[in-house]
Amino acid sequence: MTKFFNRFAKDESGATAIEYGLIAALIAVALITVLGAVGSNLGVTFDKISTKVTNANAAA
C-alpha cells in the first residue's frame, strides 16, 4: 500500500493535463475578449458605411 501512495505522489501526468487545460482556457478567454471588441468595432464601421451609402443614394 505504501508503494501505491508513493507512486501516486510522484505521478505528474495529471498535473500536466491540468496545466494544458488552464492554458487553453486562458487562450479562449483572451480570444473571446479580443474578438468581442473587434466585432463591436466592425459593427460600428458597417453602420457608418451603410449611413453614407444611404445618404449618397438620397442625394442622387
PDB file of N, CA and C in Angstrom:
ATOM      1  N   MET A   1       0.812  -1.185   0.000  1.00  0.00           N
ATOM      2  CA  MET A   1       0.000   0.000   0.000  1.00  0.00           C
ATOM      3  C   MET A   1       0.863   1.260   0.000  1.00  0.00           C
ATOM      4  N   THR A   2       1.968   1.233   0.693  1.00  0.00           N
ATOM      5  CA  THR A   2       2.873   2.368   0.743  1.00  0.00           C
ATOM      6  C   THR A   2       3.459   2.645  -0.638  1.00  0.00           C
ATOM      7  N   LYS A   3       3.756   1.594  -1.386  1.00  0.00           N
ATOM      8  CA  LYS A   3       4.290   1.770  -2.737  1.00  0.00           C
ATOM      9  C   LYS A   3       3.276   2.487  -3.630  1.00  0.00           C
ATOM     10  N   PHE A   4       2.023   2.116  -3.455  1.00  0.00           N
ATOM     11  CA  PHE A   4       0.972   2.742  -4.254  1.00  0.00           C
ATOM     12  C   PHE A   4       0.912   4.244  -3.995  1.00  0.00           C
ATOM     13  N   PHE A   5       0.922   4.652  -2.729  1.00  0.00           N
ATOM     14  CA  PHE A   5       0.860   6.068  -2.387  1.00  0.00           C
ATOM     15  C   PHE A   5       2.103   6.814  -2.858  1.00  0.00           C
ATOM     16  N   ASN A   6       3.262   6.206  -2.754  1.00  0.00           N
ATOM     17  CA  ASN A   6       4.494   6.846  -3.224  1.00  0.00           C
ATOM     18  C   ASN A   6       4.458   7.045  -4.738  1.00  0.00           C
ATOM     19  N   ARG A   7       3.998   6.012  -5.428  1.00  0.00           N
ATOM     20  CA  ARG A   7       3.909   6.099  -6.886  1.00  0.00           C
ATOM     21  C   ARG A   7       2.870   7.160  -7.291  1.00  0.00           C
ATOM     22  N   PHE A   8       1.762   7.198  -6.563  1.00  0.00           N
ATOM     23  CA  PHE A   8       0.707   8.178  -6.834  1.00  0.00           C
ATOM     24  C   PHE A   8       1.217   9.597  -6.587  1.00  0.00           C
ATOM     25  N   ALA A   9       1.985   9.793  -5.547  1.00  0.00           N
ATOM     26  CA  ALA A   9       2.500  11.122  -5.211  1.00  0.00           C
ATOM     27  C   ALA A   9       3.513  11.607  -6.241  1.00  0.00           C
ATOM     28  N   LYS A  10       4.254  10.697  -6.845  1.00  0.00           N
ATOM     29  CA  LYS A  10       5.277  11.077  -7.820  1.00  0.00           C
ATOM     30  C   LYS A  10       4.710  11.217  -9.233  1.00  0.00           C
ATOM     31  N   ASP A  11       3.513  10.732  -9.483  1.00  0.00           N
ATOM     32  CA  ASP A  11       2.906  10.782 -10.813  1.00  0.00           C
ATOM     33  C   ASP A  11       2.486  12.214 -11.126  1.00  0.00           C
ATOM     34  N   GLU A  12       3.037  12.804 -12.196  1.00  0.00           N
ATOM     35  CA  GLU A  12       2.740  14.176 -12.566  1.00  0.00           C
ATOM     36  C   GLU A  12       1.952  14.275 -13.867  1.00  0.00           C
ATOM     37  N   SER A  13       1.495  13.178 -14.408  1.00  0.00           N
ATOM     38  CA  SER A  13       0.798  13.221 -15.690  1.00  0.00           C
ATOM     39  C   SER A  13      -0.530  13.969 -15.580  1.00  0.00           C
ATOM     40  N   GLY A  14      -1.225  13.832 -14.483  1.00  0.00           N
ATOM     41  CA  GLY A  14      -2.465  14.565 -14.290  1.00  0.00           C
ATOM     42  C   GLY A  14      -2.232  16.054 -14.165  1.00  0.00           C
ATOM     43  N   ALA A  15      -1.150  16.430 -13.491  1.00  0.00           N
ATOM     44  CA  ALA A  15      -0.817  17.843 -13.324  1.00  0.00           C
ATOM     45  C   ALA A  15      -0.527  18.483 -14.677  1.00  0.00           C
ATOM     46  N   THR A  16       0.132  17.752 -15.561  1.00  0.00           N
ATOM     47  CA  THR A  16       0.437  18.279 -16.888  1.00  0.00           C
ATOM     48  C   THR A  16      -0.854  18.518 -17.669  1.00  0.00           C
ATOM     49  N   ALA A  17      -1.779  17.587 -17.592  1.00  0.00           N
ATOM     50  CA  ALA A  17      -3.054  17.748 -18.291  1.00  0.00           C
ATOM     51  C   ALA A  17      -3.815  18.960 -17.749  1.00  0.00           C
ATOM     52  N   ILE A  18      -3.789  19.157 -16.461  1.00  0.00           N
ATOM     53  CA  ILE A  18      -4.462  20.308 -15.856  1.00  0.00           C
ATOM     54  C   ILE A  18      -3.806  21.609 -16.320  1.00  0.00           C
ATOM     55  N   GLU A  19      -2.486  21.621 -16.391  1.00  0.00           N
ATOM     56  CA  GLU A  19      -1.780  22.816 -16.853  1.00  0.00           C
ATOM     57  C   GLU A  19      -2.160  23.148 -18.293  1.00  0.00           C
ATOM     58  N   TYR A  20      -2.213  22.149 -19.149  1.00  0.00           N
ATOM     59  CA  TYR A  20      -2.616  22.387 -20.538  1.00  0.00           C
ATOM     60  C   TYR A  20      -4.059  22.880 -20.603  1.00  0.00           C
ATOM     61  N   GLY A  21      -4.904  22.341 -19.773  1.00  0.00           N
ATOM     62  CA  GLY A  21      -6.289  22.795 -19.729  1.00  0.00           C
ATOM     63  C   GLY A  21      -6.401  24.247 -19.300  1.00  0.00           C
ATOM     64  N   LEU A  22      -5.624  24.638 -18.311  1.00  0.00           N
ATOM     65  CA  LEU A  22      -5.632  26.032 -17.857  1.00  0.00           C
ATOM     66  C   LEU A  22      -5.111  26.973 -18.929  1.00  0.00           C
ATOM     67  N   ILE A  23      -4.063  26.562 -19.632  1.00  0.00           N
ATOM     68  CA  ILE A  23      -3.522  27.382 -20.716  1.00  0.00           C
ATOM     69  C   ILE A  23      -4.562  27.544 -21.819  1.00  0.00           C
ATOM     70  N   ALA A  24      -5.234  26.449 -22.183  1.00  0.00           N
ATOM     71  CA  ALA A  24      -6.266  26.517 -23.216  1.00  0.00           C
ATOM     72  C   ALA A  24      -7.412  27.427 -22.783  1.00  0.00           C
ATOM     73  N   ALA A  25      -7.788  27.367 -21.518  1.00  0.00           N
ATOM     74  CA  ALA A  25      -8.863  28.219 -21.016  1.00  0.00           C
ATOM     75  C   ALA A  25      -8.459  29.699 -21.066  1.00  0.00           C
ATOM     76  N   LEU A  26      -7.227  30.011 -20.704  1.00  0.00           N
ATOM     77  CA  LEU A  26      -6.767  31.397 -20.757  1.00  0.00           C
ATOM     78  C   LEU A  26      -6.734  31.918 -22.193  1.00  0.00           C
ATOM     79  N   ILE A  27      -6.292  31.078 -23.106  1.00  0.00           N
ATOM     80  CA  ILE A  27      -6.273  31.478 -24.520  1.00  0.00           C
ATOM     81  C   ILE A  27      -7.694  31.727 -25.013  1.00  0.00           C
ATOM     82  N   ALA A  28      -8.625  30.862 -24.613  1.00  0.00           N
ATOM     83  CA  ALA A  28     -10.018  31.024 -25.037  1.00  0.00           C
ATOM     84  C   ALA A  28     -10.600  32.334 -24.505  1.00  0.00           C
ATOM     85  N   VAL A  29     -10.334  32.656 -23.263  1.00  0.00           N
ATOM     86  CA  VAL A  29     -10.831  33.909 -22.676  1.00  0.00           C
ATOM     87  C   VAL A  29     -10.240  35.110 -23.407  1.00  0.00           C
ATOM     88  N   ALA A  30      -8.954  35.050 -23.723  1.00  0.00           N
ATOM     89  CA  ALA A  30      -8.312  36.152 -24.447  1.00  0.00           C
ATOM     90  C   ALA A  30      -8.924  36.311 -25.839  1.00  0.00           C
ATOM     91  N   LEU A  31      -9.157  35.211 -26.527  1.00  0.00           N
ATOM     92  CA  LEU A  31      -9.750  35.273 -27.867  1.00  0.00           C
ATOM     93  C   LEU A  31     -11.164  35.839 -27.826  1.00  0.00           C
ATOM     94  N   ILE A  32     -11.941  35.409 -26.865  1.00  0.00           N
ATOM     95  CA  ILE A  32     -13.312  35.909 -26.743  1.00  0.00           C
ATOM     96  C   ILE A  32     -13.307  37.414 -26.492  1.00  0.00           C
ATOM     97  N   THR A  33     -12.406  37.868 -25.649  1.00  0.00           N
ATOM     98  CA  THR A  33     -12.317  39.298 -25.345  1.00  0.00           C
ATOM     99  C   THR A  33     -11.918  40.095 -26.581  1.00  0.00           C
ATOM    100  N   VAL A  34     -10.881  39.643 -27.266  1.00  0.00           N
ATOM    101  CA  VAL A  34     -10.383  40.363 -28.444  1.00  0.00           C
ATOM    102  C   VAL A  34     -11.414  40.335 -29.566  1.00  0.00           C
ATOM    103  N   LEU A  35     -11.984  39.179 -29.835  1.00  0.00           N
ATOM    104  CA  LEU A  35     -12.952  39.078 -30.924  1.00  0.00           C
ATOM    105  C   LEU A  35     -14.234  39.851 -30.617  1.00  0.00           C
ATOM    106  N   GLY A  36     -14.601  39.944 -29.354  1.00  0.00           N
ATOM    107  CA  GLY A  36     -15.757  40.752 -28.980  1.00  0.00           C
ATOM    108  C   GLY A  36     -15.522  42.221 -29.288  1.00  0.00           C
ATOM    109  N   ALA A  37     -14.336  42.701 -28.968  1.00  0.00           N
ATOM    110  CA  ALA A  37     -14.003  44.101 -29.244  1.00  0.00           C
ATOM    111  C   ALA A  37     -13.936  44.354 -30.748  1.00  0.00           C
ATOM    112  N   VAL A  38     -13.325  43.445 -31.476  1.00  0.00           N
ATOM    113  CA  VAL A  38     -13.231  43.595 -32.934  1.00  0.00           C
ATOM    114  C   VAL A  38     -14.620  43.553 -33.559  1.00  0.00           C
ATOM    115  N   GLY A  39     -15.472  42.663 -33.071  1.00  0.00           N
ATOM    116  CA  GLY A  39     -16.832  42.567 -33.593  1.00  0.00           C
ATOM    117  C   GLY A  39     -17.618  43.841 -33.380  1.00  0.00           C
ATOM    118  N   SER A  40     -17.465  44.445 -32.221  1.00  0.00           N
ATOM    119  CA  SER A  40     -18.161  45.708 -31.942  1.00  0.00           C
ATOM    120  C   SER A  40     -17.673  46.810 -32.870  1.00  0.00           C
ATOM    121  N   ASN A  41     -16.371  46.905 -33.036  1.00  0.00           N
ATOM    122  CA  ASN A  41     -15.804  47.926 -33.926  1.00  0.00           C
ATOM    123  C   ASN A  41     -16.216  47.682 -35.370  1.00  0.00           C
ATOM    124  N   LEU A  42     -16.287  46.439 -35.763  1.00  0.00           N
ATOM    125  CA  LEU A  42     -16.694  46.104 -37.123  1.00  0.00           C
ATOM    126  C   LEU A  42     -18.149  46.488 -37.354  1.00  0.00           C
ATOM    127  N   GLY A  43     -18.993  46.263 -36.367  1.00  0.00           N
ATOM    128  CA  GLY A  43     -20.390  46.665 -36.470  1.00  0.00           C
ATOM    129  C   GLY A  43     -20.539  48.167 -36.623  1.00  0.00           C
ATOM    130  N   VAL A  44     -19.773  48.929 -35.880  1.00  0.00           N
ATOM    131  CA  VAL A  44     -19.812  50.390 -35.978  1.00  0.00           C
ATOM    132  C   VAL A  44     -19.354  50.833 -37.366  1.00  0.00           C
ATOM    133  N   THR A  45     -18.318  50.203 -37.881  1.00  0.00           N
ATOM    134  CA  THR A  45     -17.816  50.548 -39.214  1.00  0.00           C
ATOM    135  C   THR A  45     -18.869  50.278 -40.283  1.00  0.00           C
ATOM    136  N   PHE A  46     -19.535  49.135 -40.226  1.00  0.00           N
ATOM    137  CA  PHE A  46     -20.572  48.827 -41.205  1.00  0.00           C
ATOM    138  C   PHE A  46     -21.764  49.780 -41.083  1.00  0.00           C
ATOM    139  N   ASP A  47     -22.077  50.203 -39.869  1.00  0.00           N
ATOM    140  CA  ASP A  47     -23.151  51.185 -39.697  1.00  0.00           C
ATOM    141  C   ASP A  47     -22.794  52.514 -40.363  1.00  0.00           C
ATOM    142  N   LYS A  48     -21.550  52.943 -40.217  1.00  0.00           N
ATOM    143  CA  LYS A  48     -21.106  54.190 -40.859  1.00  0.00           C
ATOM    144  C   LYS A  48     -21.179  54.079 -42.375  1.00  0.00           C
ATOM    145  N   ILE A  49     -20.730  52.947 -42.898  1.00  0.00           N
ATOM    146  CA  ILE A  49     -20.769  52.734 -44.350  1.00  0.00           C
ATOM    147  C   ILE A  49     -22.208  52.726 -44.839  1.00  0.00           C
ATOM    148  N   SER A  50     -23.077  52.063 -44.127  1.00  0.00           N
ATOM    149  CA  SER A  50     -24.493  51.998 -44.502  1.00  0.00           C
ATOM    150  C   SER A  50     -25.117  53.388 -44.526  1.00  0.00           C
ATOM    151  N   THR A  51     -24.789  54.188 -43.533  1.00  0.00           N
ATOM    152  CA  THR A  51     -25.324  55.554 -43.476  1.00  0.00           C
ATOM    153  C   THR A  51     -24.829  56.379 -44.660  1.00  0.00           C
ATOM    154  N   LYS A  52     -23.568  56.264 -44.990  1.00  0.00           N
ATOM    155  CA  LYS A  52     -23.012  57.028 -46.113  1.00  0.00           C
ATOM    156  C   LYS A  52     -23.610  56.582 -47.440  1.00  0.00           C
ATOM    157  N   VAL A  53     -23.811  55.285 -47.611  1.00  0.00           N
ATOM    158  CA  VAL A  53     -24.412  54.779 -48.843  1.00  0.00           C
ATOM    159  C   VAL A  53     -25.860  55.259 -48.949  1.00  0.00           C
ATOM    160  N   THR A  54     -26.580  55.214 -47.840  1.00  0.00           N
ATOM    161  CA  THR A  54     -27.968  55.678 -47.834  1.00  0.00           C
ATOM    162  C   THR A  54     -28.043  57.162 -48.168  1.00  0.00           C
ATOM    163  N   ASN A  55     -27.163  57.963 -47.585  1.00  0.00           N
ATOM    164  CA  ASN A  55     -27.144  59.401 -47.852  1.00  0.00           C
ATOM    165  C   ASN A  55     -26.756  59.689 -49.303  1.00  0.00           C
ATOM    166  N   ALA A  56     -25.835  58.919 -49.834  1.00  0.00           N
ATOM    167  CA  ALA A  56     -25.422  59.101 -51.228  1.00  0.00           C
ATOM    168  C   ALA A  56     -26.560  58.762 -52.182  1.00  0.00           C
ATOM    169  N   ASN A  57     -27.332  57.729 -51.879  1.00  0.00           N
ATOM    170  CA  ASN A  57     -28.469  57.361 -52.714  1.00  0.00           C
ATOM    171  C   ASN A  57     -29.576  58.400 -52.634  1.00  0.00           C
ATOM    172  N   ALA A  58     -29.759  58.994 -51.464  1.00  0.00           N
ATOM    173  CA  ALA A  58     -30.804  60.013 -51.302  1.00  0.00           C
ATOM    174  C   ALA A  58     -30.444  61.288 -52.044  1.00  0.00           C
ATOM    175  N   ALA A  59     -29.154  61.596 -52.103  1.00  0.00           N
ATOM    176  CA  ALA A  59     -28.694  62.817 -52.774  1.00  0.00           C
ATOM    177  C   ALA A  59     -28.724  62.658 -54.294  1.00  0.00           C
ATOM    178  N   ALA A  60     -28.676  61.429 -54.778  1.00  0.00           N
ATOM    179  CA  ALA A  60     -28.616  61.216 -56.245  1.00  0.00           C
ATOM    180  C   ALA A  60     -29.944  61.281 -56.908  1.00  0.00           C
TER     181      ALA A  60
END
